[in-house]
Amino acid sequence: GGEKEGLLANARVRSLLEDGAGRLWIATDGGLDRLDRQHATFHHHRNDPTDPASLGDDNAMSLYQDRGGVIWVGTRNAGVYKWNPATWSFGHHTRLASSPTGLADKTVTSFAEDRIGRIWIGTFGGLHVMDRQTSEIQRYVPKARSLSDRVMALATDPDGMIWIGTMDSGLSRLDPAS
């Protein structure tokens, strides 16, 4: 899927991901590219207003592959999309910011997965957690107001802790079990 060209969609690269099948994904300010290593070309995935299954925004910011092989794409202005390698199709998981079960902000900067398979989503509106069974998204509100709303990076360590890098309040650690 996606149109093919020899060059990246945009020179500003936000994130890189080599998926489990060895495909290289590149998040750029001009869309999401997938490198065809055999032919040295890129498949471009961009916003197409006539295709509701396309990316909602050409500004791809973050990439993550979960344990099931699904690739999660965070955009600057349109929230979260996921690419299913089994069907070669995109799906959309953003809810309106005003929704109580949606993202507080549509700038999605990072992803992590906890031990029970929930997807943690970092945004400029805080940290969110999504139950993949129900697609329910909840905003994580810390007891102490020490965590910035501007989440920039997420990582899960071998002990199952989630590390949260923020724009203006440093680094925090979260135990998703408690």
Protein backbone atom coordinates (compact mmCIF):
# COMPACT_ATOMS: atom_id res chain seq x y z
CA GLY A 1 0.00 0.00 0.00
CA GLY A 2 0.89 3.63 -0.51
CA GLU A 3 2.45 5.41 -3.47
CA LYS A 4 6.08 4.59 -4.35
CA GLU A 5 8.95 7.04 -4.85
CA GLY A 6 12.71 7.09 -4.55
CA LEU A 7 12.89 9.86 -1.94
CA LEU A 8 11.58 10.36 1.58
CA ALA A 9 8.29 12.25 1.81
CA ASN A 10 10.03 14.91 3.91
CA ALA A 11 13.59 15.50 5.16
CA ARG A 12 12.45 16.10 8.77
CA VAL A 13 12.44 12.63 10.37
CA ARG A 14 10.66 12.36 13.72
CA SER A 15 10.89 8.63 14.47
CA LEU A 16 12.27 5.36 13.07
CA LEU A 17 11.06 1.81 13.60
CA GLU A 18 12.27 -1.51 12.25
CA ASP A 19 9.32 -3.84 12.64
CA GLY A 20 9.40 -7.57 13.41
CA ALA A 21 9.45 -8.41 9.68
CA GLY A 22 12.48 -6.18 9.07
CA ARG A 23 10.55 -3.35 7.39
CA LEU A 24 11.89 0.14 8.14
CA TRP A 25 9.22 2.75 8.94
CA ILE A 26 10.06 6.46 8.93
CA ALA A 27 7.78 9.07 10.54
CA THR A 28 8.28 12.43 8.77
CA ASP A 29 6.65 15.84 8.51
CA GLY A 30 5.35 14.71 5.10
CA GLY A 31 3.71 11.46 6.15
CA LEU A 32 4.73 7.93 7.03
CA ASP A 33 7.24 6.15 4.79
CA ARG A 34 8.10 2.46 4.56
CA LEU A 35 11.40 1.54 2.92
CA ASP A 36 11.36 -1.15 0.24
CA ARG A 37 14.97 -2.27 0.71
CA GLN A 38 14.92 -4.58 -2.32
CA HIS A 39 14.05 -1.78 -4.75
CA ALA A 40 15.53 1.16 -2.76
CA THR A 41 12.21 3.03 -2.86
CA PHE A 42 9.79 4.36 -0.27
CA HIS A 43 6.09 3.63 0.05
CA HIS A 44 4.38 6.84 1.20
CA HIS A 45 1.33 6.82 3.47
CA ARG A 46 -0.28 10.25 3.64
CA ASN A 47 -3.53 11.93 4.45
CA ASP A 48 -6.12 11.46 1.70
CA PRO A 49 -9.34 13.37 2.45
CA THR A 50 -11.27 10.96 0.20
CA ASP A 51 -10.01 7.88 2.10
CA PRO A 52 -11.18 7.61 5.73
CA ALA A 53 -8.68 4.76 6.29
CA SER A 54 -5.68 6.99 5.45
CA LEU A 55 -3.58 8.86 8.00
CA GLY A 56 -5.47 11.88 9.34
CA ASP A 57 -2.37 14.07 9.33
CA ASP A 58 0.82 14.12 7.26
CA ASN A 59 2.87 15.05 10.34
CA ALA A 60 3.84 11.62 11.69
CA MET A 61 5.54 12.02 15.10
CA SER A 62 6.00 8.64 16.79
CA LEU A 63 6.10 4.92 16.01
CA TYR A 64 5.73 1.77 18.12
CA GLN A 65 5.17 -1.93 17.39
CA ASP A 66 3.27 -3.86 20.05
CA ARG A 67 3.67 -7.53 20.98
CA GLY A 68 0.91 -8.50 18.53
CA GLY A 69 2.76 -6.89 15.62
CA VAL A 70 0.46 -3.87 15.24
CA ILE A 71 2.30 -0.63 14.44
CA TRP A 72 1.06 2.46 16.28
CA VAL A 73 1.53 5.86 14.62
CA GLY A 74 1.25 9.10 16.56
CA THR A 75 0.52 12.26 14.58
CA ARG A 76 0.88 15.95 15.38
CA ASN A 77 -2.73 16.99 14.75
CA ALA A 78 -4.87 13.87 14.36
CA GLY A 79 -4.07 11.55 17.28
CA VAL A 80 -3.35 7.84 17.00
CA TYR A 81 -3.49 5.48 14.04
CA LYS A 82 -2.57 1.82 13.90
CA TRP A 83 -1.37 -0.30 11.00
CA ASN A 84 -2.29 -3.96 10.97
CA PRO A 85 0.27 -6.03 9.01
CA ALA A 86 -2.23 -8.91 8.69
CA THR A 87 -4.64 -6.78 6.64
CA TRP A 88 -2.20 -4.10 5.37
CA SER A 89 -4.62 -1.44 6.53
CA PHE A 90 -4.77 1.56 8.83
CA GLY A 91 -7.28 2.03 11.62
CA HIS A 92 -8.03 5.16 13.62
CA HIS A 93 -8.20 5.33 17.42
CA THR A 94 -8.53 9.03 18.18
CA ARG A 95 -11.46 10.37 20.11
CA LEU A 96 -12.25 14.05 20.42
CA ALA A 97 -10.30 15.90 23.08
CA SER A 98 -13.60 16.89 24.72
CA SER A 99 -14.59 13.23 25.13
CA PRO A 100 -14.10 11.92 28.69
CA THR A 101 -12.67 8.72 27.18
CA GLY A 102 -10.46 10.38 24.59
CA LEU A 103 -7.05 11.89 24.23
CA ALA A 104 -6.63 15.25 25.94
CA ASP A 105 -4.48 16.40 23.02
CA LYS A 106 -4.00 15.15 19.46
CA THR A 107 -0.20 15.60 19.42
CA VAL A 108 0.96 12.03 20.10
CA THR A 109 4.66 11.84 20.95
CA SER A 110 5.26 8.33 22.29
CA PHE A 111 3.98 4.85 23.11
CA ALA A 112 4.77 2.04 25.57
CA GLU A 113 3.14 -1.29 26.42
CA ASP A 114 2.72 -2.67 29.92
CA ARG A 115 2.84 -6.32 31.02
CA ILE A 116 -0.92 -6.82 30.66
CA GLY A 117 -0.95 -5.47 27.11
CA ARG A 118 -2.30 -1.97 27.68
CA ILE A 119 -0.89 0.72 25.41
CA TRP A 120 0.34 3.89 27.12
CA ILE A 121 0.16 7.00 24.94
CA GLY A 122 2.18 10.17 25.55
CA THR A 123 0.69 13.45 24.30
CA PHE A 124 1.09 17.18 24.79
CA GLY A 125 -2.05 16.85 26.95
CA GLY A 126 -0.64 14.25 29.34
CA LEU A 127 -0.35 10.50 29.66
CA HIS A 128 -3.14 8.15 28.59
CA VAL A 129 -3.69 4.40 28.78
CA MET A 130 -5.70 2.34 26.31
CA ASP A 131 -7.28 -1.04 26.92
CA ARG A 132 -6.84 -2.86 23.61
CA GLN A 133 -9.79 -5.19 24.27
CA THR A 134 -12.33 -2.37 24.68
CA SER A 135 -10.43 0.47 22.92
CA GLU A 136 -11.24 2.54 26.03
CA ILE A 137 -8.76 5.40 26.54
CA GLN A 138 -8.31 6.95 29.97
CA ARG A 139 -6.16 9.90 30.96
CA TYR A 140 -3.66 9.05 33.69
CA VAL A 141 -3.85 11.66 36.45
CA PRO A 142 -1.00 11.32 38.97
CA LYS A 143 -1.76 11.69 42.67
CA ALA A 144 1.04 14.23 43.05
CA ARG A 145 1.00 16.96 40.41
CA SER A 146 4.66 16.40 39.56
CA LEU A 147 4.15 15.04 36.03
CA SER A 148 4.08 17.56 33.18
CA ASP A 149 1.28 17.36 30.63
CA ARG A 150 3.87 17.53 27.86
CA VAL A 151 4.98 13.89 27.62
CA MET A 152 7.82 13.52 25.11
CA ALA A 153 9.07 9.92 25.51
CA LEU A 154 7.94 6.61 27.03
CA ALA A 155 9.85 3.37 27.67
CA THR A 156 9.09 0.15 29.53
CA ASP A 157 11.96 -1.40 31.48
CA PRO A 158 12.52 -5.15 32.13
CA ASP A 159 10.80 -4.82 35.54
CA GLY A 160 7.61 -3.55 33.87
CA MET A 161 8.03 0.05 35.02
CA ILE A 162 7.14 2.80 32.57
CA TRP A 163 9.60 5.68 32.30
CA ILE A 164 8.13 9.02 31.27
CA GLY A 165 10.25 11.78 29.78
CA THR A 166 8.62 15.20 29.79
CA MET A 167 9.30 18.54 28.14
CA ASP A 168 9.55 20.53 31.36
CA SER A 169 9.47 18.32 34.47
CA GLY A 170 12.23 15.81 33.83
CA LEU A 171 11.89 12.07 34.16
CA SER A 172 9.29 10.09 36.12
CA ARG A 173 8.77 6.37 36.75
CA LEU A 174 5.34 4.75 36.88
CA ASP A 175 4.39 1.32 38.18
CA PRO A 176 1.40 0.42 35.98
CA ALA A 177 0.36 -2.30 38.46
CA SER A 178 -0.33 0.28 41.16
